[in-house]
């Protein structure tokens, strides 16, 4: 288990890249669009000020819920490029999530791509943590990403265009 697992999907949104970026980079709003992550909050000392975008290196915690369990993860922003990309890694770099934005229609629309990568480090950590059950746990997380990304993108579009 050394190869990363990845998935990405895109959607066009009738809003500017800056508007979409302001939305998706506000992790405190994640619960409005994510089917699994119900709430996020910035580490107190690293929270952006009012009207400020987040910065690379900032940490936040997310509370995730499925019918079977509830858990929290700590993440770190690894890319904070307004209007272009917002990305973070979960835990010790086990999973990387990103939103990339492309301007369309002379800047009046945005193609938003959400991507997910279960890194080799994450796969190794799952093998160590879950032993013989690791493959089933990895498949479950992969399935959640494949199902969650289109639902997330549709909800972001609804909010951004609303």
N, C-alpha and C. Protein backbone atom coordinates (compact mmCIF):
# COMPACT_ATOMS: atom_id res chain seq x y z
N UNK A 1 0.83 -1.19 0.00
CA UNK A 1 0.00 0.00 0.00
C UNK A 1 0.87 1.25 0.00
N UNK A 2 1.42 1.61 -1.12
CA UNK A 2 2.24 2.82 -1.16
C UNK A 2 1.70 3.86 -2.13
N UNK A 3 0.77 3.49 -2.98
CA UNK A 3 0.24 4.42 -3.97
C UNK A 3 -0.91 5.22 -3.38
N UNK A 4 -0.87 6.52 -3.58
CA UNK A 4 -1.95 7.38 -3.10
C UNK A 4 -3.23 7.09 -3.86
N UNK A 5 -4.33 7.37 -3.22
CA UNK A 5 -5.64 7.32 -3.87
C UNK A 5 -6.09 8.76 -4.07
N UNK A 6 -6.62 9.06 -5.25
CA UNK A 6 -7.04 10.42 -5.53
C UNK A 6 -8.41 10.43 -6.22
N UNK A 7 -9.07 11.55 -6.09
CA UNK A 7 -10.34 11.76 -6.78
C UNK A 7 -10.56 13.26 -6.89
N UNK A 8 -11.13 13.70 -7.99
CA UNK A 8 -11.44 15.11 -8.19
C UNK A 8 -12.67 15.24 -9.07
N UNK A 9 -13.40 16.31 -8.85
CA UNK A 9 -14.57 16.60 -9.66
C UNK A 9 -14.74 18.12 -9.70
N UNK A 10 -15.36 18.61 -10.78
CA UNK A 10 -15.51 20.05 -10.97
C UNK A 10 -16.97 20.42 -11.23
N UNK A 11 -17.25 21.70 -11.00
CA UNK A 11 -18.57 22.26 -11.27
C UNK A 11 -18.40 23.73 -11.64
N UNK A 12 -19.25 24.22 -12.52
CA UNK A 12 -19.20 25.65 -12.86
C UNK A 12 -20.19 26.39 -11.98
N UNK A 13 -19.74 27.54 -11.47
CA UNK A 13 -20.53 28.35 -10.55
C UNK A 13 -20.64 29.77 -11.11
N UNK A 14 -21.83 30.32 -11.10
CA UNK A 14 -22.05 31.69 -11.58
C UNK A 14 -21.71 32.69 -10.49
N UNK A 15 -20.42 32.76 -10.17
CA UNK A 15 -19.88 33.72 -9.20
C UNK A 15 -18.41 33.88 -9.52
N UNK A 16 -17.82 34.98 -9.10
CA UNK A 16 -16.42 35.24 -9.41
C UNK A 16 -15.50 34.32 -8.60
N UNK A 17 -14.29 34.09 -9.11
CA UNK A 17 -13.34 33.28 -8.32
C UNK A 17 -13.10 33.83 -6.92
N UNK A 18 -13.05 35.14 -6.77
CA UNK A 18 -12.85 35.72 -5.44
C UNK A 18 -14.03 35.44 -4.52
N UNK A 19 -15.25 35.50 -5.06
CA UNK A 19 -16.44 35.20 -4.25
C UNK A 19 -16.45 33.73 -3.83
N UNK A 20 -16.15 32.85 -4.77
CA UNK A 20 -16.14 31.41 -4.46
C UNK A 20 -15.02 31.09 -3.47
N UNK A 21 -13.85 31.70 -3.67
CA UNK A 21 -12.73 31.46 -2.76
C UNK A 21 -13.09 31.91 -1.34
N UNK A 22 -13.70 33.08 -1.22
CA UNK A 22 -14.08 33.58 0.11
C UNK A 22 -15.01 32.59 0.81
N UNK A 23 -15.87 31.95 0.04
CA UNK A 23 -16.79 30.97 0.60
C UNK A 23 -16.06 29.71 1.04
N UNK A 24 -15.35 29.05 0.12
CA UNK A 24 -14.76 27.74 0.44
C UNK A 24 -13.58 27.83 1.40
N UNK A 25 -12.94 28.98 1.48
CA UNK A 25 -11.81 29.11 2.41
C UNK A 25 -12.26 29.50 3.82
N UNK A 26 -13.54 29.76 4.00
CA UNK A 26 -14.08 30.03 5.33
C UNK A 26 -14.47 28.70 5.96
N UNK A 27 -13.51 28.03 6.59
CA UNK A 27 -13.75 26.69 7.10
C UNK A 27 -14.87 26.65 8.13
N UNK A 28 -15.18 27.78 8.75
CA UNK A 28 -16.26 27.80 9.73
C UNK A 28 -17.62 27.57 9.09
N UNK A 29 -17.69 27.63 7.74
CA UNK A 29 -18.95 27.40 7.02
C UNK A 29 -19.04 25.99 6.42
N UNK A 30 -18.03 25.17 6.63
CA UNK A 30 -17.97 23.85 6.01
C UNK A 30 -19.22 23.02 6.27
N UNK A 31 -19.77 23.12 7.45
CA UNK A 31 -20.98 22.35 7.77
C UNK A 31 -22.17 22.67 6.90
N UNK A 32 -22.13 23.81 6.19
CA UNK A 32 -23.22 24.17 5.29
C UNK A 32 -23.22 23.34 4.01
N UNK A 33 -22.06 22.76 3.64
CA UNK A 33 -22.01 22.03 2.38
C UNK A 33 -21.46 20.61 2.47
N UNK A 34 -20.76 20.27 3.50
CA UNK A 34 -20.16 18.94 3.58
C UNK A 34 -21.15 17.92 4.14
N UNK A 35 -21.26 16.76 3.49
CA UNK A 35 -22.14 15.73 4.03
C UNK A 35 -21.55 15.00 5.24
N UNK A 36 -20.25 15.14 5.50
CA UNK A 36 -19.61 14.45 6.63
C UNK A 36 -19.07 15.42 7.67
N UNK A 37 -18.38 16.47 7.23
CA UNK A 37 -17.80 17.43 8.17
C UNK A 37 -18.89 18.43 8.56
N UNK A 38 -19.34 18.34 9.79
CA UNK A 38 -20.49 19.12 10.23
C UNK A 38 -20.12 20.47 10.83
N UNK A 39 -18.85 20.63 11.24
CA UNK A 39 -18.44 21.88 11.86
C UNK A 39 -16.91 21.98 11.83
N UNK A 40 -16.41 23.19 11.62
CA UNK A 40 -14.96 23.46 11.70
C UNK A 40 -14.74 24.74 12.47
N UNK A 41 -13.60 24.82 13.13
CA UNK A 41 -13.22 26.03 13.83
C UNK A 41 -11.71 26.18 13.77
N UNK A 42 -11.27 27.44 13.70
CA UNK A 42 -9.85 27.75 13.65
C UNK A 42 -9.24 27.61 15.03
N UNK A 43 -7.98 27.20 15.09
CA UNK A 43 -7.24 27.32 16.34
C UNK A 43 -7.29 28.79 16.71
N UNK A 44 -7.59 29.08 17.95
CA UNK A 44 -7.88 30.45 18.36
C UNK A 44 -6.82 31.46 17.93
N UNK A 45 -5.57 31.12 18.12
CA UNK A 45 -4.50 32.07 17.79
C UNK A 45 -4.26 32.20 16.28
N UNK A 46 -4.84 31.30 15.48
CA UNK A 46 -4.57 31.29 14.05
C UNK A 46 -5.76 31.69 13.19
N UNK A 47 -6.86 32.06 13.84
CA UNK A 47 -8.06 32.43 13.10
C UNK A 47 -7.82 33.73 12.33
N UNK A 48 -8.29 33.80 11.08
CA UNK A 48 -8.17 35.07 10.35
C UNK A 48 -9.04 36.13 11.03
N UNK A 49 -8.60 37.37 10.93
CA UNK A 49 -9.39 38.47 11.47
C UNK A 49 -10.60 38.72 10.60
N UNK A 50 -11.52 39.54 11.08
CA UNK A 50 -12.73 39.84 10.29
C UNK A 50 -12.35 40.39 8.91
N UNK A 51 -12.90 39.76 7.88
CA UNK A 51 -12.65 40.19 6.51
C UNK A 51 -11.31 39.75 5.94
N UNK A 52 -10.50 39.06 6.73
CA UNK A 52 -9.20 38.58 6.25
C UNK A 52 -9.31 37.16 5.74
N UNK A 53 -8.55 36.82 4.69
CA UNK A 53 -8.54 35.43 4.24
C UNK A 53 -7.64 34.61 5.16
N UNK A 54 -7.83 33.29 5.18
CA UNK A 54 -6.94 32.44 5.98
C UNK A 54 -5.53 32.46 5.40
N UNK A 55 -4.57 32.07 6.20
CA UNK A 55 -3.19 32.04 5.72
C UNK A 55 -2.66 30.61 5.73
N UNK A 56 -1.72 30.37 4.84
CA UNK A 56 -1.05 29.08 4.80
C UNK A 56 -0.36 28.86 6.14
N UNK A 57 -0.45 27.66 6.66
CA UNK A 57 0.15 27.31 7.95
C UNK A 57 -0.84 27.33 9.10
N UNK A 58 -2.01 27.96 8.91
CA UNK A 58 -3.02 28.02 9.97
C UNK A 58 -3.63 26.64 10.20
N UNK A 59 -4.03 26.38 11.43
CA UNK A 59 -4.64 25.10 11.80
C UNK A 59 -6.12 25.27 12.14
N UNK A 60 -6.89 24.22 11.86
CA UNK A 60 -8.29 24.20 12.25
C UNK A 60 -8.68 22.77 12.59
N UNK A 61 -9.78 22.64 13.30
CA UNK A 61 -10.31 21.34 13.69
C UNK A 61 -11.67 21.16 13.05
N UNK A 62 -11.94 19.94 12.60
CA UNK A 62 -13.24 19.62 12.03
C UNK A 62 -13.90 18.48 12.79
N UNK A 63 -15.21 18.60 12.97
CA UNK A 63 -15.99 17.53 13.60
C UNK A 63 -16.76 16.82 12.50
N UNK A 64 -16.50 15.54 12.36
CA UNK A 64 -17.11 14.72 11.31
C UNK A 64 -18.12 13.76 11.92
N UNK A 65 -19.19 13.50 11.14
CA UNK A 65 -20.23 12.59 11.61
C UNK A 65 -20.69 11.69 10.48
N UNK A 66 -20.80 10.42 10.80
CA UNK A 66 -21.45 9.44 9.94
C UNK A 66 -22.48 8.73 10.83
N UNK A 67 -23.34 7.91 10.25
CA UNK A 67 -24.29 7.19 11.11
C UNK A 67 -23.59 6.30 12.16
N UNK A 68 -22.35 5.88 11.87
CA UNK A 68 -21.65 4.97 12.76
C UNK A 68 -20.79 5.63 13.82
N UNK A 69 -20.34 6.86 13.56
CA UNK A 69 -19.41 7.46 14.51
C UNK A 69 -19.28 8.96 14.32
N UNK A 70 -18.69 9.60 15.32
CA UNK A 70 -18.35 11.01 15.30
C UNK A 70 -16.88 11.12 15.69
N UNK A 71 -16.10 11.97 14.97
CA UNK A 71 -14.69 12.13 15.29
C UNK A 71 -14.23 13.51 14.86
N UNK A 72 -13.13 13.92 15.45
CA UNK A 72 -12.54 15.21 15.11
C UNK A 72 -11.17 14.99 14.48
N UNK A 73 -10.82 15.90 13.56
CA UNK A 73 -9.50 15.88 12.94
C UNK A 73 -8.91 17.28 13.01
N UNK A 74 -7.61 17.35 13.10
CA UNK A 74 -6.92 18.64 13.07
C UNK A 74 -6.24 18.75 11.72
N UNK A 75 -6.41 19.89 11.07
CA UNK A 75 -5.87 20.11 9.73
C UNK A 75 -5.01 21.36 9.70
N UNK A 76 -4.17 21.43 8.66
CA UNK A 76 -3.33 22.60 8.46
C UNK A 76 -3.48 23.07 7.02
N UNK A 77 -3.69 24.37 6.86
CA UNK A 77 -3.78 24.97 5.54
C UNK A 77 -2.39 24.90 4.90
N UNK A 78 -2.32 24.37 3.68
CA UNK A 78 -1.04 24.27 2.97
C UNK A 78 -0.97 25.18 1.75
N UNK A 79 -2.11 25.61 1.25
CA UNK A 79 -2.16 26.59 0.16
C UNK A 79 -3.32 27.54 0.45
N UNK A 80 -3.03 28.83 0.45
CA UNK A 80 -4.06 29.87 0.62
C UNK A 80 -3.76 30.95 -0.42
N UNK A 81 -4.24 30.72 -1.63
CA UNK A 81 -3.98 31.61 -2.76
C UNK A 81 -5.32 32.16 -3.24
N UNK A 82 -5.74 33.32 -2.72
CA UNK A 82 -7.08 33.84 -3.02
C UNK A 82 -7.43 33.83 -4.51
N UNK A 83 -8.62 33.32 -4.78
CA UNK A 83 -9.12 33.25 -6.15
C UNK A 83 -8.55 32.11 -6.97
N UNK A 84 -7.61 31.36 -6.41
CA UNK A 84 -6.96 30.29 -7.18
C UNK A 84 -7.01 28.92 -6.51
N UNK A 85 -6.57 28.84 -5.24
CA UNK A 85 -6.53 27.53 -4.59
C UNK A 85 -6.55 27.68 -3.07
N UNK A 86 -7.30 26.78 -2.44
CA UNK A 86 -7.31 26.64 -0.99
C UNK A 86 -7.17 25.15 -0.70
N UNK A 87 -6.12 24.77 0.05
CA UNK A 87 -5.85 23.35 0.30
C UNK A 87 -5.39 23.15 1.74
N UNK A 88 -5.66 21.96 2.26
CA UNK A 88 -5.24 21.63 3.61
C UNK A 88 -4.92 20.14 3.70
N UNK A 89 -4.12 19.79 4.69
CA UNK A 89 -3.83 18.38 4.97
C UNK A 89 -4.41 18.04 6.33
N UNK A 90 -4.87 16.81 6.43
CA UNK A 90 -5.48 16.31 7.65
C UNK A 90 -4.44 15.50 8.42
N UNK A 91 -4.39 15.72 9.72
CA UNK A 91 -3.46 14.97 10.57
C UNK A 91 -2.02 15.24 10.17
N UNK A 92 -1.26 14.18 10.09
CA UNK A 92 0.16 14.28 9.74
C UNK A 92 0.36 14.16 8.23
N UNK A 93 -0.53 14.80 7.46
CA UNK A 93 -0.43 14.74 6.00
C UNK A 93 -1.05 13.48 5.44
N UNK A 94 -1.97 12.88 6.18
CA UNK A 94 -2.57 11.61 5.76
C UNK A 94 -3.53 11.77 4.59
N UNK A 95 -4.22 12.90 4.56
CA UNK A 95 -5.19 13.19 3.49
C UNK A 95 -5.00 14.65 3.10
N UNK A 96 -5.08 14.92 1.79
CA UNK A 96 -5.00 16.30 1.30
C UNK A 96 -6.30 16.61 0.56
N UNK A 97 -6.92 17.70 0.96
CA UNK A 97 -8.12 18.21 0.31
C UNK A 97 -7.78 19.54 -0.33
N UNK A 98 -8.38 19.85 -1.47
CA UNK A 98 -8.12 21.14 -2.12
C UNK A 98 -9.32 21.59 -2.92
N UNK A 99 -9.45 22.90 -3.00
CA UNK A 99 -10.36 23.55 -3.93
C UNK A 99 -9.47 24.37 -4.86
N UNK A 100 -9.58 24.13 -6.16
CA UNK A 100 -8.91 24.97 -7.13
C UNK A 100 -9.98 25.68 -7.94
N UNK A 101 -9.66 26.91 -8.35
CA UNK A 101 -10.64 27.75 -9.01
C UNK A 101 -10.07 28.26 -10.31
N UNK A 102 -10.88 28.21 -11.37
CA UNK A 102 -10.52 28.75 -12.68
C UNK A 102 -11.58 29.75 -13.11
N UNK A 103 -11.12 30.90 -13.55
CA UNK A 103 -12.03 31.94 -14.01
C UNK A 103 -12.63 31.56 -15.36
N UNK A 104 -13.91 31.83 -15.52
CA UNK A 104 -14.61 31.62 -16.79
C UNK A 104 -15.49 32.83 -17.07
N UNK A 105 -15.89 32.96 -18.33
CA UNK A 105 -16.85 33.99 -18.73
C UNK A 105 -16.36 35.38 -18.29
N UNK A 106 -15.12 35.70 -18.66
CA UNK A 106 -14.51 36.99 -18.32
C UNK A 106 -14.56 37.30 -16.82
N UNK A 107 -14.39 36.26 -16.01
CA UNK A 107 -14.33 36.45 -14.57
C UNK A 107 -15.67 36.43 -13.86
N UNK A 108 -16.75 36.25 -14.60
CA UNK A 108 -18.09 36.25 -13.99
C UNK A 108 -18.50 34.87 -13.49
N UNK A 109 -17.74 33.86 -13.85
CA UNK A 109 -18.04 32.49 -13.43
C UNK A 109 -16.74 31.81 -13.02
N UNK A 110 -16.90 30.71 -12.31
CA UNK A 110 -15.76 29.97 -11.78
C UNK A 110 -15.98 28.48 -11.97
N UNK A 111 -14.95 27.80 -12.44
CA UNK A 111 -14.95 26.33 -12.38
C UNK A 111 -14.26 25.97 -11.08
N UNK A 112 -15.00 25.37 -10.18
CA UNK A 112 -14.48 24.94 -8.88
C UNK A 112 -14.22 23.45 -8.94
N UNK A 113 -12.99 23.07 -8.63
CA UNK A 113 -12.62 21.66 -8.58
C UNK A 113 -12.29 21.31 -7.14
N UNK A 114 -12.92 20.27 -6.64
CA UNK A 114 -12.57 19.75 -5.32
C UNK A 114 -11.78 18.47 -5.55
N UNK A 115 -10.63 18.36 -4.88
CA UNK A 115 -9.82 17.16 -5.02
C UNK A 115 -9.49 16.59 -3.65
N UNK A 116 -9.25 15.30 -3.65
CA UNK A 116 -8.99 14.53 -2.44
C UNK A 116 -7.86 13.56 -2.74
N UNK A 117 -6.93 13.46 -1.82
CA UNK A 117 -5.83 12.49 -1.96
C UNK A 117 -5.60 11.81 -0.63
N UNK A 118 -5.74 10.50 -0.63
CA UNK A 118 -5.36 9.68 0.51
C UNK A 118 -3.90 9.32 0.25
N UNK A 119 -3.00 9.97 0.95
CA UNK A 119 -1.57 9.90 0.67
C UNK A 119 -0.96 8.56 1.06
N UNK A 120 0.22 8.25 0.53
CA UNK A 120 0.91 7.03 0.97
C UNK A 120 1.12 6.99 2.49
N UNK A 121 1.38 8.16 3.10
CA UNK A 121 1.54 8.21 4.55
C UNK A 121 0.24 7.85 5.26
N UNK A 122 -0.87 8.31 4.71
CA UNK A 122 -2.17 7.98 5.28
C UNK A 122 -2.50 6.51 5.14
N UNK A 123 -2.20 5.96 3.98
CA UNK A 123 -2.44 4.53 3.76
C UNK A 123 -1.60 3.70 4.72
N UNK A 124 -0.35 4.08 4.92
CA UNK A 124 0.52 3.36 5.86
C UNK A 124 0.01 3.47 7.29
N UNK A 125 -0.47 4.67 7.66
CA UNK A 125 -1.00 4.86 9.01
C UNK A 125 -2.24 4.00 9.23
N UNK A 126 -3.09 3.88 8.21
CA UNK A 126 -4.28 3.03 8.33
C UNK A 126 -3.88 1.56 8.44
N UNK A 127 -2.88 1.16 7.70
CA UNK A 127 -2.41 -0.23 7.79
C UNK A 127 -1.93 -0.53 9.21
N UNK A 128 -1.21 0.42 9.79
CA UNK A 128 -0.70 0.22 11.15
C UNK A 128 -1.85 0.25 12.17
N UNK A 129 -2.76 1.19 12.00
CA UNK A 129 -3.84 1.35 12.98
C UNK A 129 -4.89 0.24 12.91
N UNK A 130 -5.26 -0.16 11.68
CA UNK A 130 -6.38 -1.09 11.52
C UNK A 130 -5.97 -2.52 11.18
N UNK A 131 -4.70 -2.76 10.90
CA UNK A 131 -4.23 -4.12 10.62
C UNK A 131 -5.00 -4.77 9.49
N UNK A 132 -5.55 -5.94 9.76
CA UNK A 132 -6.28 -6.69 8.72
C UNK A 132 -7.53 -5.97 8.22
N UNK A 133 -8.03 -5.02 8.98
CA UNK A 133 -9.23 -4.27 8.58
C UNK A 133 -8.89 -3.00 7.80
N UNK A 134 -7.61 -2.76 7.54
CA UNK A 134 -7.19 -1.51 6.89
C UNK A 134 -7.82 -1.34 5.51
N UNK A 135 -7.82 -2.39 4.70
CA UNK A 135 -8.38 -2.25 3.35
C UNK A 135 -9.85 -1.84 3.39
N UNK A 136 -10.62 -2.41 4.30
CA UNK A 136 -12.04 -2.05 4.41
C UNK A 136 -12.19 -0.60 4.88
N UNK A 137 -11.36 -0.17 5.81
CA UNK A 137 -11.42 1.22 6.29
C UNK A 137 -11.03 2.19 5.19
N UNK A 138 -10.01 1.85 4.41
CA UNK A 138 -9.57 2.70 3.30
C UNK A 138 -10.66 2.78 2.24
N UNK A 139 -11.28 1.65 1.94
CA UNK A 139 -12.38 1.64 0.96
C UNK A 139 -13.54 2.51 1.44
N UNK A 140 -13.84 2.45 2.71
CA UNK A 140 -14.94 3.27 3.26
C UNK A 140 -14.63 4.76 3.10
N UNK A 141 -13.40 5.18 3.41
CA UNK A 141 -13.02 6.59 3.27
C UNK A 141 -13.02 7.01 1.80
N UNK A 142 -12.57 6.11 0.94
CA UNK A 142 -12.56 6.40 -0.50
C UNK A 142 -14.00 6.58 -1.00
N UNK A 143 -14.88 5.71 -0.59
CA UNK A 143 -16.29 5.81 -0.99
C UNK A 143 -16.90 7.12 -0.49
N UNK A 144 -16.58 7.52 0.76
CA UNK A 144 -17.11 8.78 1.28
C UNK A 144 -16.64 9.96 0.44
N UNK A 145 -15.39 9.94 0.01
CA UNK A 145 -14.88 11.03 -0.83
C UNK A 145 -15.58 11.05 -2.18
N UNK A 146 -15.72 9.88 -2.80
CA UNK A 146 -16.36 9.80 -4.11
C UNK A 146 -17.82 10.24 -4.06
N UNK A 147 -18.51 9.93 -2.97
CA UNK A 147 -19.91 10.33 -2.83
C UNK A 147 -20.04 11.77 -2.33
N UNK A 148 -19.11 12.19 -1.48
CA UNK A 148 -19.21 13.49 -0.85
C UNK A 148 -18.83 14.66 -1.74
N UNK A 149 -17.86 14.46 -2.61
CA UNK A 149 -17.39 15.58 -3.44
C UNK A 149 -18.51 16.14 -4.33
N UNK A 150 -19.25 15.33 -5.08
CA UNK A 150 -20.31 15.94 -5.89
C UNK A 150 -21.40 16.61 -5.04
N UNK A 151 -21.71 16.03 -3.89
CA UNK A 151 -22.71 16.65 -3.01
C UNK A 151 -22.20 17.98 -2.48
N UNK A 152 -20.92 18.02 -2.11
CA UNK A 152 -20.32 19.27 -1.63
C UNK A 152 -20.32 20.34 -2.70
N UNK A 153 -19.88 19.98 -3.90
CA UNK A 153 -19.83 20.96 -5.00
C UNK A 153 -21.21 21.51 -5.31
N UNK A 154 -22.22 20.65 -5.34
CA UNK A 154 -23.58 21.12 -5.63
C UNK A 154 -24.06 22.09 -4.54
N UNK A 155 -23.74 21.79 -3.29
CA UNK A 155 -24.15 22.68 -2.20
C UNK A 155 -23.40 24.01 -2.24
N UNK A 156 -22.10 23.98 -2.55
CA UNK A 156 -21.34 25.23 -2.68
C UNK A 156 -21.93 26.09 -3.78
N UNK A 157 -22.26 25.46 -4.93
CA UNK A 157 -22.86 26.23 -6.03
C UNK A 157 -24.18 26.85 -5.60
N UNK A 158 -25.03 26.08 -4.93
CA UNK A 158 -26.32 26.60 -4.47
C UNK A 158 -26.13 27.81 -3.56
N UNK A 159 -25.17 27.72 -2.64
CA UNK A 159 -24.92 28.82 -1.71
C UNK A 159 -24.34 30.03 -2.44
N UNK A 160 -23.34 29.78 -3.29
CA UNK A 160 -22.67 30.88 -4.00
C UNK A 160 -23.61 31.60 -4.95
N UNK A 161 -24.50 30.87 -5.57
CA UNK A 161 -25.41 31.47 -6.55
C UNK A 161 -26.69 32.00 -5.90
N UNK A 162 -26.90 31.63 -4.62
CA UNK A 162 -28.14 32.01 -3.94
C UNK A 162 -28.15 33.43 -3.52
